[in-house]
Amino acid sequence: MSNSTFTTYETAWCPGCGNYAILETLTGVLNQMETPPHQVVLVGGIGQAAKTNQYITANGFSGLHGRSLPAAVAIKIANNDLTVIVNSGDGDSYGEGGNHFLHNIRRNVDITHFVHDNQIYGLTKGQPSPTSDPCDLAHKTNTCNMGATFNPLLIAIAAGATFVARSFSGDKSHLAQIMAAAIKHPGYALVDILQPCVSFNKTNTFAYYKQRVKPLDDRYDPTNKLAAIEKAMEFGDTIPIGILYQEQAPTYADKRPELFDAVPLIDKSVRLSDVQALINSYI
């Protein structure tokens, strides 16, 4: 294994899973960006998508269910020189991790969040996730949602996210462009990646997405928040993919310069006497 390039390991995903294309595309994007693997941290929670960091030659951290964002934020604050990327599923990100999803938008920490959105809980074999299609009680299946479908892009834009995008695992060229733009964006970047779960979701298949996804045209303005909100609500016969919204805004590091000076927090010297004094102040 080269110390300057990213490679992948054998996975435990089902044959045909959309995660394969995401892993392959992410590996290619990181190699093109020429960021050394030791300067990249891939973070996950629990789920099939969250295993991504176990299958690529970079630093990895696997957290609790729905808790990938707090770990990623802590890593970035401790060492601002690192490129921190979260790979997690729709259940892990928007269900168990929904509160962290909202508050990380508010902080605008400079991390990238790739959500592998197959509209189902694949690891636990077919329960509906927040993004599952709604259904009526007469036609319920394991893959339908009894309530309103959670719209992550609409929520993210309304909550103040500075980079909100969607892509599709079946279009690796488009996905690579969006991934690269998200990683380079200063601040929190959300990319919701539509991908089929071939084992448990028989509705949102590769063919289903292929027939519906449509890249945003060149006339679309991603700086227009009202237009982005309207575009985020399009999800049916046509599903727009691309950068729906992007703006430049102060990041968490910009707002807390005392944590992000020339010396990363992890390299700052710490005196045990100062730590003990701090502990004593709470006794």
C-alpha atoms as a PDB file:
ATOM      1  CA  MET A   1       0.000   0.000   0.000  1.00  0.00           C
ATOM      2  CA  SER A   2       1.285   3.430  -0.949  1.00  0.00           C
ATOM      3  CA  ASN A   3       1.433   6.037   1.795  1.00  0.00           C
ATOM      4  CA  SER A   4       0.448   8.749  -0.682  1.00  0.00           C
ATOM      5  CA  THR A   5      -2.617   7.205  -2.337  1.00  0.00           C
ATOM      6  CA  PHE A   6      -5.986   5.912  -1.195  1.00  0.00           C
ATOM      7  CA  THR A   7      -6.942   2.297  -1.834  1.00  0.00           C
ATOM      8  CA  THR A   8      -9.860   0.159  -0.683  1.00  0.00           C
ATOM      9  CA  TYR A   9     -10.362  -3.100   1.187  1.00  0.00           C
ATOM     10  CA  GLU A  10     -12.803  -5.958   0.587  1.00  0.00           C
ATOM     11  CA  THR A  11     -16.270  -4.994   1.821  1.00  0.00           C
ATOM     12  CA  ALA A  12     -19.196  -6.831   3.399  1.00  0.00           C
ATOM     13  CA  TRP A  13     -21.858  -5.064   1.328  1.00  0.00           C
ATOM     14  CA  CYS A  14     -24.420  -6.942  -0.751  1.00  0.00           C
ATOM     15  CA  PRO A  15     -23.585  -7.379  -4.462  1.00  0.00           C
ATOM     16  CA  GLY A  16     -25.139  -4.473  -6.372  1.00  0.00           C
ATOM     17  CA  CYS A  17     -25.316  -2.126  -3.372  1.00  0.00           C
ATOM     18  CA  GLY A  18     -25.052   1.559  -4.249  1.00  0.00           C
ATOM     19  CA  ASN A  19     -22.372   1.971  -1.594  1.00  0.00           C
ATOM     20  CA  TYR A  20     -19.789   0.420  -3.926  1.00  0.00           C
ATOM     21  CA  ALA A  21     -20.042   3.309  -6.382  1.00  0.00           C
ATOM     22  CA  ILE A  22     -19.867   5.830  -3.544  1.00  0.00           C
ATOM     23  CA  LEU A  23     -16.734   4.194  -2.115  1.00  0.00           C
ATOM     24  CA  GLU A  24     -15.064   3.997  -5.525  1.00  0.00           C
ATOM     25  CA  THR A  25     -15.943   7.596  -6.377  1.00  0.00           C
ATOM     26  CA  LEU A  26     -14.784   8.953  -3.020  1.00  0.00           C
ATOM     27  CA  THR A  27     -11.481   7.100  -3.347  1.00  0.00           C
ATOM     28  CA  GLY A  28     -10.940   8.613  -6.796  1.00  0.00           C
ATOM     29  CA  VAL A  29     -11.825  12.120  -5.636  1.00  0.00           C
ATOM     30  CA  LEU A  30      -9.416  11.956  -2.693  1.00  0.00           C
ATOM     31  CA  ASN A  31      -6.618  10.732  -4.951  1.00  0.00           C
ATOM     32  CA  GLN A  32      -7.250  13.548  -7.421  1.00  0.00           C
ATOM     33  CA  MET A  33      -7.154  16.104  -4.613  1.00  0.00           C
ATOM     34  CA  GLU A  34      -3.730  14.726  -3.612  1.00  0.00           C
ATOM     35  CA  THR A  35      -4.428  15.037   0.104  1.00  0.00           C
ATOM     36  CA  PRO A  36      -2.264  12.440   1.921  1.00  0.00           C
ATOM     37  CA  PRO A  37      -4.285   9.683   3.632  1.00  0.00           C
ATOM     38  CA  HIS A  38      -2.815  10.575   7.025  1.00  0.00           C
ATOM     39  CA  GLN A  39      -4.447  14.012   6.756  1.00  0.00           C
ATOM     40  CA  VAL A  40      -7.934  12.608   6.085  1.00  0.00           C
ATOM     41  CA  VAL A  41     -10.337  11.229   8.703  1.00  0.00           C
ATOM     42  CA  LEU A  42     -13.439   9.309   7.659  1.00  0.00           C
ATOM     43  CA  VAL A  43     -16.093   9.148  10.369  1.00  0.00           C
ATOM     44  CA  GLY A  44     -19.164   6.922  10.601  1.00  0.00           C
ATOM     45  CA  GLY A  45     -21.879   5.931  13.037  1.00  0.00           C
ATOM     46  CA  ILE A  46     -23.764   2.630  12.747  1.00  0.00           C
ATOM     47  CA  GLY A  47     -25.098   1.125   9.518  1.00  0.00           C
ATOM     48  CA  GLN A  48     -23.943  -0.148   6.156  1.00  0.00           C
ATOM     49  CA  ALA A  49     -22.970   3.321   4.908  1.00  0.00           C
ATOM     50  CA  ALA A  50     -21.146   3.986   8.162  1.00  0.00           C
ATOM     51  CA  LYS A  51     -18.764   1.118   7.386  1.00  0.00           C
ATOM     52  CA  THR A  52     -17.161   3.184   4.602  1.00  0.00           C
ATOM     53  CA  ASN A  53     -14.274   4.279   6.817  1.00  0.00           C
ATOM     54  CA  GLN A  54     -13.436   0.617   7.399  1.00  0.00           C
ATOM     55  CA  TYR A  55     -12.953  -0.016   3.682  1.00  0.00           C
ATOM     56  CA  ILE A  56     -10.566   2.774   2.670  1.00  0.00           C
ATOM     57  CA  THR A  57      -6.948   3.482   3.605  1.00  0.00           C
ATOM     58  CA  ALA A  58      -7.422   6.663   5.625  1.00  0.00           C
ATOM     59  CA  ASN A  59      -7.827   7.432   9.306  1.00  0.00           C
ATOM     60  CA  GLY A  60     -11.189   6.166  10.490  1.00  0.00           C
ATOM     61  CA  PHE A  61     -13.499   6.537  13.469  1.00  0.00           C
ATOM     62  CA  SER A  62     -16.667   4.526  14.084  1.00  0.00           C
ATOM     63  CA  GLY A  63     -19.016   6.059  16.620  1.00  0.00           C
ATOM     64  CA  LEU A  64     -22.406   5.266  18.108  1.00  0.00           C
ATOM     65  CA  HIS A  65     -25.680   5.172  16.192  1.00  0.00           C
ATOM     66  CA  GLY A  66     -26.495   8.717  15.107  1.00  0.00           C
ATOM     67  CA  ARG A  67     -23.386  10.159  16.744  1.00  0.00           C
ATOM     68  CA  SER A  68     -20.991  10.518  13.833  1.00  0.00           C
ATOM     69  CA  LEU A  69     -21.292  14.313  13.620  1.00  0.00           C
ATOM     70  CA  PRO A  70     -20.222  15.070  17.222  1.00  0.00           C
ATOM     71  CA  ALA A  71     -17.148  12.882  16.753  1.00  0.00           C
ATOM     72  CA  ALA A  72     -16.328  14.547  13.432  1.00  0.00           C
ATOM     73  CA  VAL A  73     -16.728  18.014  14.939  1.00  0.00           C
ATOM     74  CA  ALA A  74     -14.439  17.134  17.865  1.00  0.00           C
ATOM     75  CA  ILE A  75     -11.787  15.779  15.495  1.00  0.00           C
ATOM     76  CA  LYS A  76     -11.890  18.920  13.362  1.00  0.00           C
ATOM     77  CA  ILE A  77     -11.696  21.240  16.374  1.00  0.00           C
ATOM     78  CA  ALA A  78      -8.768  19.257  17.810  1.00  0.00           C
ATOM     79  CA  ASN A  79      -6.827  19.367  14.544  1.00  0.00           C
ATOM     80  CA  ASN A  80      -8.023  21.920  12.026  1.00  0.00           C
ATOM     81  CA  ASP A  81      -5.431  20.729   9.498  1.00  0.00           C
ATOM     82  CA  LEU A  82      -7.355  17.496   8.914  1.00  0.00           C
ATOM     83  CA  THR A  83      -9.919  16.909   6.169  1.00  0.00           C
ATOM     84  CA  VAL A  84     -12.891  15.393   8.013  1.00  0.00           C
ATOM     85  CA  ILE A  85     -15.557  13.492   6.072  1.00  0.00           C
ATOM     86  CA  VAL A  86     -18.635  11.776   7.502  1.00  0.00           C
ATOM     87  CA  ASN A  87     -20.189   8.814   5.687  1.00  0.00           C
ATOM     88  CA  SER A  88     -23.480   7.757   7.191  1.00  0.00           C
ATOM     89  CA  GLY A  89     -26.926   6.536   6.182  1.00  0.00           C
ATOM     90  CA  ASP A  90     -30.288   8.273   6.101  1.00  0.00           C
ATOM     91  CA  GLY A  91     -31.418   6.586   9.319  1.00  0.00           C
ATOM     92  CA  ASP A  92     -28.174   7.270  11.152  1.00  0.00           C
ATOM     93  CA  SER A  93     -28.002  10.885   9.945  1.00  0.00           C
ATOM     94  CA  TYR A  94     -31.638  12.014  10.017  1.00  0.00           C
ATOM     95  CA  GLY A  95     -33.200   9.604  12.529  1.00  0.00           C
ATOM     96  CA  GLU A  96     -30.947   8.813  15.491  1.00  0.00           C
ATOM     97  CA  GLY A  97     -28.670  11.713  14.528  1.00  0.00           C
ATOM     98  CA  GLY A  98     -31.333  14.283  13.682  1.00  0.00           C
ATOM     99  CA  ASN A  99     -30.539  16.576  16.611  1.00  0.00           C
ATOM    100  CA  HIS A 100     -26.826  16.616  15.775  1.00  0.00           C
ATOM    101  CA  PHE A 101     -27.671  17.225  12.109  1.00  0.00           C
ATOM    102  CA  LEU A 102     -29.562  20.410  13.008  1.00  0.00           C
ATOM    103  CA  HIS A 103     -27.050  21.795  15.488  1.00  0.00           C
ATOM    104  CA  ASN A 104     -24.020  21.132  13.295  1.00  0.00           C
ATOM    105  CA  ILE A 105     -25.681  23.259  10.629  1.00  0.00           C
ATOM    106  CA  ARG A 106     -25.955  26.045  13.201  1.00  0.00           C
ATOM    107  CA  ARG A 107     -22.259  25.839  14.115  1.00  0.00           C
ATOM    108  CA  ASN A 108     -21.021  25.559  10.508  1.00  0.00           C
ATOM    109  CA  VAL A 109     -17.974  23.475  11.399  1.00  0.00           C
ATOM    110  CA  ASP A 110     -15.783  22.787   8.365  1.00  0.00           C
ATOM    111  CA  ILE A 111     -16.654  19.125   7.779  1.00  0.00           C
ATOM    112  CA  THR A 112     -18.211  17.240   4.873  1.00  0.00           C
ATOM    113  CA  HIS A 113     -21.273  15.035   5.390  1.00  0.00           C
ATOM    114  CA  PHE A 114     -22.053  12.373   2.774  1.00  0.00           C
ATOM    115  CA  VAL A 115     -25.401  10.720   3.491  1.00  0.00           C
ATOM    116  CA  HIS A 116     -25.880   7.395   1.676  1.00  0.00           C
ATOM    117  CA  ASP A 117     -29.651   7.728   1.284  1.00  0.00           C
ATOM    118  CA  ASN A 118     -31.315   4.430   0.301  1.00  0.00           C
ATOM    119  CA  GLN A 119     -34.603   5.415   1.987  1.00  0.00           C
ATOM    120  CA  ILE A 120     -34.479   2.420   4.330  1.00  0.00           C
ATOM    121  CA  TYR A 121     -32.663   0.868   7.289  1.00  0.00           C
ATOM    122  CA  GLY A 122     -30.556  -1.675   5.408  1.00  0.00           C
ATOM    123  CA  LEU A 123     -28.449  -2.970   8.301  1.00  0.00           C
ATOM    124  CA  THR A 124     -31.504  -3.942  10.349  1.00  0.00           C
ATOM    125  CA  LYS A 125     -33.259  -5.477   7.372  1.00  0.00           C
ATOM    126  CA  GLY A 126     -35.929  -3.246   5.972  1.00  0.00           C
ATOM    127  CA  GLN A 127     -37.522  -0.895   8.485  1.00  0.00           C
ATOM    128  CA  PRO A 128     -38.666   2.475   7.112  1.00  0.00           C
ATOM    129  CA  SER A 129     -36.236   5.357   7.606  1.00  0.00           C
ATOM    130  CA  PRO A 130     -37.032   9.085   7.853  1.00  0.00           C
ATOM    131  CA  THR A 131     -36.693   9.394   4.050  1.00  0.00           C
ATOM    132  CA  SER A 132     -38.778   6.318   3.139  1.00  0.00           C
ATOM    133  CA  ASP A 133     -41.660   6.909   0.754  1.00  0.00           C
ATOM    134  CA  PRO A 134     -45.023   7.397   2.506  1.00  0.00           C
ATOM    135  CA  CYS A 135     -47.761   4.785   2.111  1.00  0.00           C
ATOM    136  CA  ASP A 136     -51.297   4.142   3.257  1.00  0.00           C
ATOM    137  CA  LEU A 137     -52.263   1.539   5.847  1.00  0.00           C
ATOM    138  CA  ALA A 138     -53.941  -0.680   3.256  1.00  0.00           C
ATOM    139  CA  HIS A 139     -50.698  -1.146   1.307  1.00  0.00           C
ATOM    140  CA  LYS A 140     -48.039  -1.010   4.017  1.00  0.00           C
ATOM    141  CA  THR A 141     -44.719  -2.794   3.528  1.00  0.00           C
ATOM    142  CA  ASN A 142     -41.425  -2.850   5.395  1.00  0.00           C
ATOM    143  CA  THR A 143     -40.164  -0.030   3.180  1.00  0.00           C
ATOM    144  CA  CYS A 144     -42.930   2.543   3.558  1.00  0.00           C
ATOM    145  CA  ASN A 145     -43.223   5.425   5.984  1.00  0.00           C
ATOM    146  CA  MET A 146     -46.437   5.874   7.973  1.00  0.00           C
ATOM    147  CA  GLY A 147     -45.824   9.598   8.441  1.00  0.00           C
ATOM    148  CA  ALA A 148     -44.597  12.479   6.332  1.00  0.00           C
ATOM    149  CA  THR A 149     -41.266  11.923   4.603  1.00  0.00           C
ATOM    150  CA  PHE A 150     -38.360  13.879   6.098  1.00  0.00           C
ATOM    151  CA  ASN A 151     -36.896  16.266   3.524  1.00  0.00           C
ATOM    152  CA  PRO A 152     -33.214  16.699   4.517  1.00  0.00           C
ATOM    153  CA  LEU A 153     -32.338  19.240   1.836  1.00  0.00           C
ATOM    154  CA  LEU A 154     -35.295  21.479   2.653  1.00  0.00           C
ATOM    155  CA  ILE A 155     -34.516  21.279   6.380  1.00  0.00           C
ATOM    156  CA  ALA A 156     -30.816  21.978   5.818  1.00  0.00           C
ATOM    157  CA  ILE A 157     -31.420  25.040   3.649  1.00  0.00           C
ATOM    158  CA  ALA A 158     -34.050  26.451   6.012  1.00  0.00           C
ATOM    159  CA  ALA A 159     -31.770  25.837   9.015  1.00  0.00           C
ATOM    160  CA  GLY A 160     -28.936  27.826   7.428  1.00  0.00           C
ATOM    161  CA  ALA A 161     -26.591  25.230   5.926  1.00  0.00           C
ATOM    162  CA  THR A 162     -23.992  26.824   3.661  1.00  0.00           C
ATOM    163  CA  PHE A 163     -23.654  23.907   1.199  1.00  0.00           C
ATOM    164  CA  VAL A 164     -26.558  21.611   0.305  1.00  0.00           C
ATOM    165  CA  ALA A 165     -26.432  19.165  -2.583  1.00  0.00           C
ATOM    166  CA  ARG A 166     -27.833  15.897  -3.890  1.00  0.00           C
ATOM    167  CA  SER A 167     -26.305  13.322  -6.195  1.00  0.00           C
ATOM    168  CA  PHE A 168     -26.893   9.730  -7.351  1.00  0.00           C
ATOM    169  CA  SER A 169     -24.610   6.731  -6.984  1.00  0.00           C
ATOM    170  CA  GLY A 170     -25.554   5.654 -10.516  1.00  0.00           C
ATOM    171  CA  ASP A 171     -23.899   8.752 -12.015  1.00  0.00           C
ATOM    172  CA  LYS A 172     -20.313   8.584 -10.783  1.00  0.00           C
ATOM    173  CA  SER A 173     -19.121  11.508 -12.900  1.00  0.00           C
ATOM    174  CA  HIS A 174     -21.730  13.816 -11.366  1.00  0.00           C
ATOM    175  CA  LEU A 175     -21.106  12.377  -7.908  1.00  0.00           C
ATOM    176  CA  ALA A 176     -17.359  13.014  -8.185  1.00  0.00           C
ATOM    177  CA  GLN A 177     -17.940  16.675  -9.070  1.00  0.00           C
ATOM    178  CA  ILE A 178     -20.309  17.177  -6.154  1.00  0.00           C
ATOM    179  CA  MET A 179     -18.029  15.354  -3.700  1.00  0.00           C
ATOM    180  CA  ALA A 180     -15.027  17.465  -4.696  1.00  0.00           C
ATOM    181  CA  ALA A 181     -17.004  20.702  -4.385  1.00  0.00           C
ATOM    182  CA  ALA A 182     -18.331  19.673  -0.966  1.00  0.00           C
ATOM    183  CA  ILE A 183     -14.900  18.779   0.414  1.00  0.00           C
ATOM    184  CA  LYS A 184     -13.455  22.085  -0.798  1.00  0.00           C
ATOM    185  CA  HIS A 185     -16.314  24.145   0.640  1.00  0.00           C
ATOM    186  CA  PRO A 186     -15.350  26.088   3.798  1.00  0.00           C
ATOM    187  CA  GLY A 187     -17.964  25.104   6.377  1.00  0.00           C
ATOM    188  CA  TYR A 188     -20.501  22.327   6.821  1.00  0.00           C
ATOM    189  CA  ALA A 189     -21.338  20.651   3.511  1.00  0.00           C
ATOM    190  CA  LEU A 190     -24.242  18.208   3.153  1.00  0.00           C
ATOM    191  CA  VAL A 191     -24.515  15.856   0.186  1.00  0.00           C
ATOM    192  CA  ASP A 192     -27.539  13.548   0.138  1.00  0.00           C
ATOM    193  CA  ILE A 193     -26.583  10.656  -2.166  1.00  0.00           C
ATOM    194  CA  LEU A 194     -29.423   8.568  -3.556  1.00  0.00           C
ATOM    195  CA  GLN A 195     -28.380   4.918  -3.729  1.00  0.00           C
ATOM    196  CA  PRO A 196     -30.314   1.645  -4.045  1.00  0.00           C
ATOM    197  CA  CYS A 197     -30.556  -0.996  -1.335  1.00  0.00           C
ATOM    198  CA  VAL A 198     -30.899  -4.044  -3.558  1.00  0.00           C
ATOM    199  CA  SER A 199     -31.761  -6.432  -0.723  1.00  0.00           C
ATOM    200  CA  PHE A 200     -34.528  -4.674   1.168  1.00  0.00           C
ATOM    201  CA  ASN A 201     -35.875  -1.714  -0.810  1.00  0.00           C
ATOM    202  CA  LYS A 202     -37.724  -2.991  -3.863  1.00  0.00           C
ATOM    203  CA  THR A 203     -39.323   0.393  -4.559  1.00  0.00           C
ATOM    204  CA  ASN A 204     -36.424   2.859  -4.767  1.00  0.00           C
ATOM    205  CA  THR A 205     -34.325   0.768  -7.135  1.00  0.00           C
ATOM    206  CA  PHE A 206     -31.529   1.764  -9.494  1.00  0.00           C
ATOM    207  CA  ALA A 207     -34.082   1.966 -12.323  1.00  0.00           C
ATOM    208  CA  TYR A 208     -36.399   4.084 -10.139  1.00  0.00           C
ATOM    209  CA  TYR A 209     -33.700   6.674  -9.526  1.00  0.00           C
ATOM    210  CA  LYS A 210     -32.321   6.495 -13.066  1.00  0.00           C
ATOM    211  CA  GLN A 211     -35.703   7.411 -14.519  1.00  0.00           C
ATOM    212  CA  ARG A 212     -36.185  10.369 -12.191  1.00  0.00           C
ATOM    213  CA  VAL A 213     -32.883  12.094 -11.408  1.00  0.00           C
ATOM    214  CA  LYS A 214     -32.187  15.193 -13.463  1.00  0.00           C
ATOM    215  CA  PRO A 215     -29.090  17.399 -13.081  1.00  0.00           C
ATOM    216  CA  LEU A 216     -29.717  21.088 -12.482  1.00  0.00           C
ATOM    217  CA  ASP A 217     -29.143  23.069 -15.664  1.00  0.00           C
ATOM    218  CA  ASP A 218     -26.552  25.793 -16.131  1.00  0.00           C
ATOM    219  CA  ARG A 219     -29.146  28.540 -15.603  1.00  0.00           C
ATOM    220  CA  TYR A 220     -29.811  27.481 -12.026  1.00  0.00           C
ATOM    221  CA  ASP A 221     -28.421  29.885  -9.400  1.00  0.00           C
ATOM    222  CA  PRO A 222     -27.326  28.035  -6.218  1.00  0.00           C
ATOM    223  CA  THR A 223     -26.971  31.321  -4.314  1.00  0.00           C
ATOM    224  CA  ASN A 224     -30.721  32.015  -4.518  1.00  0.00           C
ATOM    225  CA  LYS A 225     -32.098  30.621  -1.249  1.00  0.00           C
ATOM    226  CA  LEU A 226     -35.774  30.918  -2.183  1.00  0.00           C
ATOM    227  CA  ALA A 227     -35.166  29.093  -5.460  1.00  0.00           C
ATOM    228  CA  ALA A 228     -33.196  26.456  -3.552  1.00  0.00           C
ATOM    229  CA  ILE A 229     -36.086  25.903  -1.141  1.00  0.00           C
ATOM    230  CA  GLU A 230     -38.478  25.412  -4.048  1.00  0.00           C
ATOM    231  CA  LYS A 231     -36.061  23.042  -5.774  1.00  0.00           C
ATOM    232  CA  ALA A 232     -35.599  21.042  -2.560  1.00  0.00           C
ATOM    233  CA  MET A 233     -39.342  20.353  -2.494  1.00  0.00           C
ATOM    234  CA  GLU A 234     -39.192  18.667  -5.916  1.00  0.00           C
ATOM    235  CA  PHE A 235     -39.115  14.928  -5.296  1.00  0.00           C
ATOM    236  CA  GLY A 236     -41.358  12.730  -7.396  1.00  0.00           C
ATOM    237  CA  ASP A 237     -41.390  12.080 -11.106  1.00  0.00           C
ATOM    238  CA  THR A 238     -38.382  14.417 -11.269  1.00  0.00           C
ATOM    239  CA  ILE A 239     -35.629  14.483  -8.644  1.00  0.00           C
ATOM    240  CA  PRO A 240     -33.128  17.353  -9.139  1.00  0.00           C
ATOM    241  CA  ILE A 241     -29.477  16.600  -8.421  1.00  0.00           C
ATOM    242  CA  GLY A 242     -26.631  19.058  -8.080  1.00  0.00           C
ATOM    243  CA  ILE A 243     -25.687  21.880  -5.712  1.00  0.00           C
ATOM    244  CA  LEU A 244     -29.035  23.263  -4.605  1.00  0.00           C
ATOM    245  CA  TYR A 245     -27.608  25.938  -2.336  1.00  0.00           C
ATOM    246  CA  GLN A 246     -24.200  27.393  -1.489  1.00  0.00           C
ATOM    247  CA  GLU A 247     -23.062  30.505   0.315  1.00  0.00           C
ATOM    248  CA  GLN A 248     -19.924  31.788   1.985  1.00  0.00           C
ATOM    249  CA  ALA A 249     -20.360  32.399   5.699  1.00  0.00           C
ATOM    250  CA  PRO A 250     -18.127  32.456   8.797  1.00  0.00           C
ATOM    251  CA  THR A 251     -17.205  28.960   9.928  1.00  0.00           C
ATOM    252  CA  TYR A 252     -16.908  27.789  13.527  1.00  0.00           C
ATOM    253  CA  ALA A 253     -13.161  28.361  13.262  1.00  0.00           C
ATOM    254  CA  ASP A 254     -13.720  31.940  12.105  1.00  0.00           C
ATOM    255  CA  LYS A 255     -15.958  32.574  15.106  1.00  0.00           C
ATOM    256  CA  ARG A 256     -13.607  30.936  17.635  1.00  0.00           C
ATOM    257  CA  PRO A 257     -10.111  32.106  16.609  1.00  0.00           C
ATOM    258  CA  GLU A 258      -8.669  31.251  20.029  1.00  0.00           C
ATOM    259  CA  LEU A 259      -9.109  27.559  19.143  1.00  0.00           C
ATOM    260  CA  PHE A 260      -7.688  27.785  15.649  1.00  0.00           C
ATOM    261  CA  ASP A 261      -4.458  29.790  15.680  1.00  0.00           C
ATOM    262  CA  ALA A 262      -1.149  28.730  14.129  1.00  0.00           C
ATOM    263  CA  VAL A 263      -0.836  25.743  16.461  1.00  0.00           C
ATOM    264  CA  PRO A 264      -3.583  23.064  16.239  1.00  0.00           C
ATOM    265  CA  LEU A 265      -5.365  22.432  19.514  1.00  0.00           C
ATOM    266  CA  ILE A 266      -3.954  18.910  19.666  1.00  0.00           C
ATOM    267  CA  ASP A 267      -0.368  20.278  19.594  1.00  0.00           C
ATOM    268  CA  LYS A 268      -0.804  22.895  22.316  1.00  0.00           C
ATOM    269  CA  SER A 269       1.110  22.180  25.499  1.00  0.00           C
ATOM    270  CA  VAL A 270      -0.923  21.321  28.566  1.00  0.00           C
ATOM    271  CA  ARG A 271       0.319  21.562  32.151  1.00  0.00           C
ATOM    272  CA  LEU A 272      -1.145  19.011  34.528  1.00  0.00           C
ATOM    273  CA  SER A 273      -1.260  21.631  37.245  1.00  0.00           C
ATOM    274  CA  ASP A 274      -3.624  23.727  35.075  1.00  0.00           C
ATOM    275  CA  VAL A 275      -5.850  20.704  34.462  1.00  0.00           C
ATOM    276  CA  GLN A 276      -5.956  19.888  38.167  1.00  0.00           C
ATOM    277  CA  ALA A 277      -6.796  23.485  39.009  1.00  0.00           C
ATOM    278  CA  LEU A 278      -9.673  23.387  36.534  1.00  0.00           C
ATOM    279  CA  ILE A 279     -10.964  20.154  38.044  1.00  0.00           C
ATOM    280  CA  ASN A 280     -10.672  21.567  41.540  1.00  0.00           C
ATOM    281  CA  SER A 281     -12.766  24.572  40.516  1.00  0.00           C
ATOM    282  CA  TYR A 282     -15.744  22.255  40.027  1.00  0.00           C
ATOM    283  CA  ILE A 283     -15.358  20.406  43.327  1.00  0.00           C
END
